[in-house]
């Protein structure tokens, strides 16, 4: 399993890629989210983890932050 430090670095890199794509293609964040989510669904289906991925997504609304005083932000 990746370390917390590596996960943080990966998250920052993904943030930068997403921001670049939004700017390059002049697309709104919600549309970009739809494109990315669709690609993730297809990737997981192709690799055989589609059912687990859908279960994960199904549980997202039930997840609550451990510290509600912290807000999510892109660096």
PDB file of N, CA and C in Angstrom:
ATOM      1  N   UNK A   1       0.854  -1.183   0.000  1.00  0.00           N
ATOM      2  CA  UNK A   1       0.000   0.000   0.000  1.00  0.00           C
ATOM      3  C   UNK A   1       0.895   1.240   0.000  1.00  0.00           C
ATOM      4  N   UNK A   2       0.525   2.255  -0.814  1.00  0.00           N
ATOM      5  CA  UNK A   2       1.334   3.469  -0.874  1.00  0.00           C
ATOM      6  C   UNK A   2       1.328   4.214   0.461  1.00  0.00           C
ATOM      7  N   UNK A   3       2.426   4.891   0.718  1.00  0.00           N
ATOM      8  CA  UNK A   3       2.518   5.676   1.951  1.00  0.00           C
ATOM      9  C   UNK A   3       1.628   6.917   1.844  1.00  0.00           C
ATOM     10  N   UNK A   4       1.321   7.506   2.995  1.00  0.00           N
ATOM     11  CA  UNK A   4       0.517   8.731   3.001  1.00  0.00           C
ATOM     12  C   UNK A   4       1.212   9.836   2.208  1.00  0.00           C
ATOM     13  N   UNK A   5       2.542   9.881   2.301  1.00  0.00           N
ATOM     14  CA  UNK A   5       3.304  10.898   1.581  1.00  0.00           C
ATOM     15  C   UNK A   5       3.162  10.708   0.072  1.00  0.00           C
ATOM     16  N   UNK A   6       3.260   9.470  -0.383  1.00  0.00           N
ATOM     17  CA  UNK A   6       3.105   9.203  -1.814  1.00  0.00           C
ATOM     18  C   UNK A   6       1.688   9.483  -2.288  1.00  0.00           C
ATOM     19  N   UNK A   7       0.700   9.162  -1.457  1.00  0.00           N
ATOM     20  CA  UNK A   7      -0.685   9.455  -1.826  1.00  0.00           C
ATOM     21  C   UNK A   7      -0.919  10.963  -1.927  1.00  0.00           C
ATOM     22  N   UNK A   8      -0.320  11.723  -1.030  1.00  0.00           N
ATOM     23  CA  UNK A   8      -0.448  13.176  -1.080  1.00  0.00           C
ATOM     24  C   UNK A   8       0.203  13.715  -2.348  1.00  0.00           C
ATOM     25  N   UNK A   9       1.398  13.224  -2.679  1.00  0.00           N
ATOM     26  CA  UNK A   9       2.078  13.664  -3.903  1.00  0.00           C
ATOM     27  C   UNK A   9       1.252  13.325  -5.135  1.00  0.00           C
ATOM     28  N   UNK A  10       0.714  12.120  -5.166  1.00  0.00           N
ATOM     29  CA  UNK A  10      -0.129  11.701  -6.280  1.00  0.00           C
ATOM     30  C   UNK A  10      -1.359  12.598  -6.388  1.00  0.00           C
ATOM     31  N   UNK A  11      -1.980  12.888  -5.266  1.00  0.00           N
ATOM     32  CA  UNK A  11      -3.174  13.748  -5.263  1.00  0.00           C
ATOM     33  C   UNK A  11      -2.861  15.126  -5.825  1.00  0.00           C
ATOM     34  N   UNK A  12      -1.740  15.697  -5.418  1.00  0.00           N
ATOM     35  CA  UNK A  12      -1.356  17.018  -5.929  1.00  0.00           C
ATOM     36  C   UNK A  12      -1.091  16.976  -7.427  1.00  0.00           C
ATOM     37  N   UNK A  13      -0.457  15.907  -7.895  1.00  0.00           N
ATOM     38  CA  UNK A  13      -0.180  15.776  -9.325  1.00  0.00           C
ATOM     39  C   UNK A  13      -1.480  15.645 -10.120  1.00  0.00           C
ATOM     40  N   UNK A  14      -2.421  14.859  -9.601  1.00  0.00           N
ATOM     41  CA  UNK A  14      -3.721  14.708 -10.260  1.00  0.00           C
ATOM     42  C   UNK A  14      -4.451  16.051 -10.281  1.00  0.00           C
ATOM     43  N   UNK A  15      -4.400  16.802  -9.185  1.00  0.00           N
ATOM     44  CA  UNK A  15      -5.013  18.138  -9.150  1.00  0.00           C
ATOM     45  C   UNK A  15      -4.467  19.009 -10.272  1.00  0.00           C
ATOM     46  N   UNK A  16      -3.145  18.991 -10.443  1.00  0.00           N
ATOM     47  CA  UNK A  16      -2.510  19.804 -11.479  1.00  0.00           C
ATOM     48  C   UNK A  16      -2.947  19.368 -12.879  1.00  0.00           C
ATOM     49  N   UNK A  17      -3.035  18.063 -13.093  1.00  0.00           N
ATOM     50  CA  UNK A  17      -3.460  17.549 -14.399  1.00  0.00           C
ATOM     51  C   UNK A  17      -4.908  17.964 -14.686  1.00  0.00           C
ATOM     52  N   UNK A  18      -5.766  17.813 -13.702  1.00  0.00           N
ATOM     53  CA  UNK A  18      -7.179  18.182 -13.889  1.00  0.00           C
ATOM     54  C   UNK A  18      -7.302  19.678 -14.174  1.00  0.00           C
ATOM     55  N   UNK A  19      -6.607  20.495 -13.406  1.00  0.00           N
ATOM     56  CA  UNK A  19      -6.667  21.945 -13.620  1.00  0.00           C
ATOM     57  C   UNK A  19      -6.164  22.305 -15.018  1.00  0.00           C
ATOM     58  N   UNK A  20      -5.099  21.653 -15.461  1.00  0.00           N
ATOM     59  CA  UNK A  20      -4.569  21.904 -16.797  1.00  0.00           C
ATOM     60  C   UNK A  20      -5.582  21.518 -17.876  1.00  0.00           C
ATOM     61  N   UNK A  21      -6.224  20.376 -17.724  1.00  0.00           N
ATOM     62  CA  UNK A  21      -7.205  19.925 -18.718  1.00  0.00           C
ATOM     63  C   UNK A  21      -8.422  20.844 -18.768  1.00  0.00           C
ATOM     64  N   UNK A  22      -8.884  21.298 -17.606  1.00  0.00           N
ATOM     65  CA  UNK A  22     -10.016  22.225 -17.556  1.00  0.00           C
ATOM     66  C   UNK A  22      -9.676  23.503 -18.320  1.00  0.00           C
ATOM     67  N   UNK A  23      -8.474  23.996 -18.109  1.00  0.00           N
ATOM     68  CA  UNK A  23      -8.042  25.223 -18.775  1.00  0.00           C
ATOM     69  C   UNK A  23      -7.838  24.988 -20.276  1.00  0.00           C
ATOM     70  N   UNK A  24      -7.161  23.896 -20.621  1.00  0.00           N
ATOM     71  CA  UNK A  24      -6.842  23.616 -22.018  1.00  0.00           C
ATOM     72  C   UNK A  24      -8.096  23.409 -22.871  1.00  0.00           C
ATOM     73  N   UNK A  25      -9.080  22.702 -22.335  1.00  0.00           N
ATOM     74  CA  UNK A  25     -10.282  22.394 -23.101  1.00  0.00           C
ATOM     75  C   UNK A  25     -11.455  23.318 -22.792  1.00  0.00           C
ATOM     76  N   UNK A  26     -11.223  24.310 -21.921  1.00  0.00           N
ATOM     77  CA  UNK A  26     -12.263  25.273 -21.575  1.00  0.00           C
ATOM     78  C   UNK A  26     -13.568  24.557 -21.211  1.00  0.00           C
ATOM     79  N   UNK A  27     -13.458  23.635 -20.264  1.00  0.00           N
ATOM     80  CA  UNK A  27     -14.601  22.829 -19.841  1.00  0.00           C
ATOM     81  C   UNK A  27     -14.890  23.133 -18.369  1.00  0.00           C
ATOM     82  N   UNK A  28     -16.146  23.129 -18.017  1.00  0.00           N
ATOM     83  CA  UNK A  28     -16.493  23.413 -16.626  1.00  0.00           C
ATOM     84  C   UNK A  28     -16.158  22.198 -15.748  1.00  0.00           C
ATOM     85  N   UNK A  29     -15.918  22.430 -14.456  1.00  0.00           N
ATOM     86  CA  UNK A  29     -15.509  21.339 -13.565  1.00  0.00           C
ATOM     87  C   UNK A  29     -16.500  20.181 -13.486  1.00  0.00           C
ATOM     88  N   UNK A  30     -17.799  20.457 -13.548  1.00  0.00           N
ATOM     89  CA  UNK A  30     -18.772  19.374 -13.468  1.00  0.00           C
ATOM     90  C   UNK A  30     -18.690  18.468 -14.706  1.00  0.00           C
ATOM     91  N   UNK A  31     -18.537  19.065 -15.873  1.00  0.00           N
ATOM     92  CA  UNK A  31     -18.378  18.266 -17.095  1.00  0.00           C
ATOM     93  C   UNK A  31     -17.084  17.459 -17.049  1.00  0.00           C
ATOM     94  N   UNK A  32     -16.010  18.073 -16.548  1.00  0.00           N
ATOM     95  CA  UNK A  32     -14.745  17.350 -16.419  1.00  0.00           C
ATOM     96  C   UNK A  32     -14.912  16.170 -15.465  1.00  0.00           C
ATOM     97  N   UNK A  33     -15.637  16.375 -14.390  1.00  0.00           N
ATOM     98  CA  UNK A  33     -15.889  15.297 -13.440  1.00  0.00           C
ATOM     99  C   UNK A  33     -16.625  14.143 -14.114  1.00  0.00           C
ATOM    100  N   UNK A  34     -17.607  14.468 -14.958  1.00  0.00           N
ATOM    101  CA  UNK A  34     -18.361  13.429 -15.662  1.00  0.00           C
ATOM    102  C   UNK A  34     -17.450  12.626 -16.586  1.00  0.00           C
ATOM    103  N   UNK A  35     -16.567  13.316 -17.301  1.00  0.00           N
ATOM    104  CA  UNK A  35     -15.629  12.630 -18.200  1.00  0.00           C
ATOM    105  C   UNK A  35     -14.701  11.722 -17.401  1.00  0.00           C
ATOM    106  N   UNK A  36     -14.133  12.242 -16.326  1.00  0.00           N
ATOM    107  CA  UNK A  36     -13.195  11.460 -15.512  1.00  0.00           C
ATOM    108  C   UNK A  36     -13.900  10.261 -14.889  1.00  0.00           C
ATOM    109  N   UNK A  37     -15.092  10.471 -14.348  1.00  0.00           N
ATOM    110  CA  UNK A  37     -15.826   9.373 -13.726  1.00  0.00           C
ATOM    111  C   UNK A  37     -16.144   8.281 -14.747  1.00  0.00           C
ATOM    112  N   UNK A  38     -16.549   8.691 -15.938  1.00  0.00           N
ATOM    113  CA  UNK A  38     -16.848   7.710 -16.990  1.00  0.00           C
ATOM    114  C   UNK A  38     -15.606   6.891 -17.333  1.00  0.00           C
ATOM    115  N   UNK A  39     -14.463   7.546 -17.406  1.00  0.00           N
ATOM    116  CA  UNK A  39     -13.220   6.839 -17.726  1.00  0.00           C
ATOM    117  C   UNK A  39     -12.831   5.887 -16.595  1.00  0.00           C
ATOM    118  N   UNK A  40     -13.053   6.301 -15.349  1.00  0.00           N
ATOM    119  CA  UNK A  40     -12.755   5.432 -14.212  1.00  0.00           C
ATOM    120  C   UNK A  40     -13.661   4.203 -14.192  1.00  0.00           C
ATOM    121  N   UNK A  41     -14.928   4.404 -14.529  1.00  0.00           N
ATOM    122  CA  UNK A  41     -15.859   3.271 -14.600  1.00  0.00           C
ATOM    123  C   UNK A  41     -15.387   2.283 -15.660  1.00  0.00           C
ATOM    124  N   UNK A  42     -15.060   2.790 -16.844  1.00  0.00           N
ATOM    125  CA  UNK A  42     -14.597   1.913 -17.921  1.00  0.00           C
ATOM    126  C   UNK A  42     -13.300   1.203 -17.555  1.00  0.00           C
ATOM    127  N   UNK A  43     -12.376   1.913 -16.941  1.00  0.00           N
ATOM    128  CA  UNK A  43     -11.109   1.307 -16.528  1.00  0.00           C
ATOM    129  C   UNK A  43     -11.342   0.178 -15.544  1.00  0.00           C
ATOM    130  N   UNK A  44     -12.194   0.412 -14.562  1.00  0.00           N
ATOM    131  CA  UNK A  44     -12.473  -0.624 -13.567  1.00  0.00           C
ATOM    132  C   UNK A  44     -13.229  -1.798 -14.173  1.00  0.00           C
ATOM    133  N   UNK A  45     -14.144  -1.526 -15.099  1.00  0.00           N
ATOM    134  CA  UNK A  45     -14.830  -2.625 -15.787  1.00  0.00           C
ATOM    135  C   UNK A  45     -13.829  -3.463 -16.578  1.00  0.00           C
ATOM    136  N   UNK A  46     -12.938  -2.804 -17.281  1.00  0.00           N
ATOM    137  CA  UNK A  46     -11.955  -3.490 -18.115  1.00  0.00           C
ATOM    138  C   UNK A  46     -11.012  -4.358 -17.281  1.00  0.00           C
ATOM    139  N   UNK A  47     -10.672  -3.879 -16.085  1.00  0.00           N
ATOM    140  CA  UNK A  47      -9.720  -4.617 -15.250  1.00  0.00           C
ATOM    141  C   UNK A  47     -10.394  -5.605 -14.302  1.00  0.00           C
ATOM    142  N   UNK A  48     -11.721  -5.675 -14.349  1.00  0.00           N
ATOM    143  CA  UNK A  48     -12.430  -6.659 -13.537  1.00  0.00           C
ATOM    144  C   UNK A  48     -12.816  -6.193 -12.145  1.00  0.00           C
ATOM    145  N   UNK A  49     -12.611  -4.916 -11.852  1.00  0.00           N
ATOM    146  CA  UNK A  49     -12.959  -4.415 -10.523  1.00  0.00           C
ATOM    147  C   UNK A  49     -14.186  -3.499 -10.556  1.00  0.00           C
ATOM    148  N   UNK A  50     -14.976  -3.606 -11.633  1.00  0.00           N
ATOM    149  CA  UNK A  50     -16.135  -2.732 -11.790  1.00  0.00           C
ATOM    150  C   UNK A  50     -17.149  -2.846 -10.668  1.00  0.00           C
ATOM    151  N   UNK A  51     -17.445  -4.068 -10.221  1.00  0.00           N
ATOM    152  CA  UNK A  51     -18.420  -4.240  -9.136  1.00  0.00           C
ATOM    153  C   UNK A  51     -17.932  -3.595  -7.844  1.00  0.00           C
ATOM    154  N   UNK A  52     -16.667  -3.815  -7.518  1.00  0.00           N
ATOM    155  CA  UNK A  52     -16.106  -3.208  -6.304  1.00  0.00           C
ATOM    156  C   UNK A  52     -16.091  -1.678  -6.413  1.00  0.00           C
ATOM    157  N   UNK A  53     -15.777  -1.172  -7.603  1.00  0.00           N
ATOM    158  CA  UNK A  53     -15.759   0.277  -7.811  1.00  0.00           C
ATOM    159  C   UNK A  53     -17.146   0.866  -7.594  1.00  0.00           C
ATOM    160  N   UNK A  54     -18.167   0.210  -8.125  1.00  0.00           N
ATOM    161  CA  UNK A  54     -19.534   0.692  -7.946  1.00  0.00           C
ATOM    162  C   UNK A  54     -19.961   0.636  -6.478  1.00  0.00           C
ATOM    163  N   UNK A  55     -19.535  -0.396  -5.764  1.00  0.00           N
ATOM    164  CA  UNK A  55     -19.825  -0.472  -4.326  1.00  0.00           C
ATOM    165  C   UNK A  55     -19.152   0.692  -3.598  1.00  0.00           C
ATOM    166  N   UNK A  56     -17.909   0.981  -3.977  1.00  0.00           N
ATOM    167  CA  UNK A  56     -17.185   2.096  -3.376  1.00  0.00           C
ATOM    168  C   UNK A  56     -17.934   3.403  -3.614  1.00  0.00           C
ATOM    169  N   UNK A  57     -18.337   3.631  -4.850  1.00  0.00           N
ATOM    170  CA  UNK A  57     -19.081   4.854  -5.164  1.00  0.00           C
ATOM    171  C   UNK A  57     -20.416   4.902  -4.420  1.00  0.00           C
ATOM    172  N   UNK A  58     -21.050   3.749  -4.258  1.00  0.00           N
ATOM    173  CA  UNK A  58     -22.321   3.693  -3.548  1.00  0.00           C
ATOM    174  C   UNK A  58     -22.201   4.054  -2.083  1.00  0.00           C
ATOM    175  N   UNK A  59     -21.008   3.883  -1.522  1.00  0.00           N
ATOM    176  CA  UNK A  59     -20.794   4.190  -0.105  1.00  0.00           C
ATOM    177  C   UNK A  59     -20.332   5.623   0.136  1.00  0.00           C
ATOM    178  N   UNK A  60     -19.988   6.331  -0.907  1.00  0.00           N
ATOM    179  CA  UNK A  60     -19.472   7.693  -0.740  1.00  0.00           C
ATOM    180  C   UNK A  60     -20.447   8.595   0.011  1.00  0.00           C
ATOM    181  N   UNK A  61     -21.755   8.588  -0.295  1.00  0.00           N
ATOM    182  CA  UNK A  61     -22.666   9.480   0.441  1.00  0.00           C
ATOM    183  C   UNK A  61     -22.704   9.202   1.945  1.00  0.00           C
ATOM    184  N   UNK A  62     -22.354   7.988   2.359  1.00  0.00           N
ATOM    185  CA  UNK A  62     -22.385   7.641   3.775  1.00  0.00           C
ATOM    186  C   UNK A  62     -21.114   8.047   4.517  1.00  0.00           C
ATOM    187  N   UNK A  63     -20.071   8.401   3.780  1.00  0.00           N
ATOM    188  CA  UNK A  63     -18.806   8.765   4.406  1.00  0.00           C
ATOM    189  C   UNK A  63     -18.888  10.177   4.961  1.00  0.00           C
ATOM    190  N   UNK A  64     -18.375  10.345   6.154  1.00  0.00           N
ATOM    191  CA  UNK A  64     -18.332  11.653   6.788  1.00  0.00           C
ATOM    192  C   UNK A  64     -16.884  11.963   7.147  1.00  0.00           C
ATOM    193  N   UNK A  65     -16.507  13.229   7.037  1.00  0.00           N
ATOM    194  CA  UNK A  65     -15.138  13.581   7.410  1.00  0.00           C
ATOM    195  C   UNK A  65     -14.875  13.282   8.881  1.00  0.00           C
ATOM    196  N   UNK A  66     -13.663  12.841   9.185  1.00  0.00           N
ATOM    197  CA  UNK A  66     -13.294  12.571  10.575  1.00  0.00           C
ATOM    198  C   UNK A  66     -13.190  13.865  11.356  1.00  0.00           C
ATOM    199  N   UNK A  67     -12.784  14.925  10.682  1.00  0.00           N
ATOM    200  CA  UNK A  67     -12.676  16.220  11.319  1.00  0.00           C
ATOM    201  C   UNK A  67     -13.486  17.217  10.494  1.00  0.00           C
ATOM    202  N   UNK A  68     -14.732  17.516  10.893  1.00  0.00           N
ATOM    203  CA  UNK A  68     -15.592  18.385  10.089  1.00  0.00           C
ATOM    204  C   UNK A  68     -15.090  19.819  10.008  1.00  0.00           C
ATOM    205  N   UNK A  69     -14.092  20.195  10.815  1.00  0.00           N
ATOM    206  CA  UNK A  69     -13.549  21.553  10.760  1.00  0.00           C
ATOM    207  C   UNK A  69     -12.595  21.743   9.579  1.00  0.00           C
ATOM    208  N   UNK A  70     -12.177  20.629   8.968  1.00  0.00           N
ATOM    209  CA  UNK A  70     -11.252  20.699   7.834  1.00  0.00           C
ATOM    210  C   UNK A  70     -12.064  20.712   6.557  1.00  0.00           C
ATOM    211  N   UNK A  71     -11.777  21.680   5.691  1.00  0.00           N
ATOM    212  CA  UNK A  71     -12.461  21.733   4.407  1.00  0.00           C
ATOM    213  C   UNK A  71     -11.545  21.185   3.332  1.00  0.00           C
ATOM    214  N   UNK A  72     -12.141  20.584   2.326  1.00  0.00           N
ATOM    215  CA  UNK A  72     -11.389  20.053   1.220  1.00  0.00           C
ATOM    216  C   UNK A  72     -11.018  21.205   0.293  1.00  0.00           C
ATOM    217  N   UNK A  73      -9.773  21.202  -0.137  1.00  0.00           N
ATOM    218  CA  UNK A  73      -9.360  22.250  -1.059  1.00  0.00           C
ATOM    219  C   UNK A  73      -8.295  21.693  -2.001  1.00  0.00           C
ATOM    220  N   UNK A  74      -8.269  22.241  -3.176  1.00  0.00           N
ATOM    221  CA  UNK A  74      -7.231  21.899  -4.131  1.00  0.00           C
ATOM    222  C   UNK A  74      -6.059  22.804  -3.864  1.00  0.00           C
ATOM    223  N   UNK A  75      -4.863  22.255  -3.845  1.00  0.00           N
ATOM    224  CA  UNK A  75      -3.681  23.076  -3.520  1.00  0.00           C
ATOM    225  C   UNK A  75      -3.429  24.150  -4.539  1.00  0.00           C
TER     226      UNK A  75
END
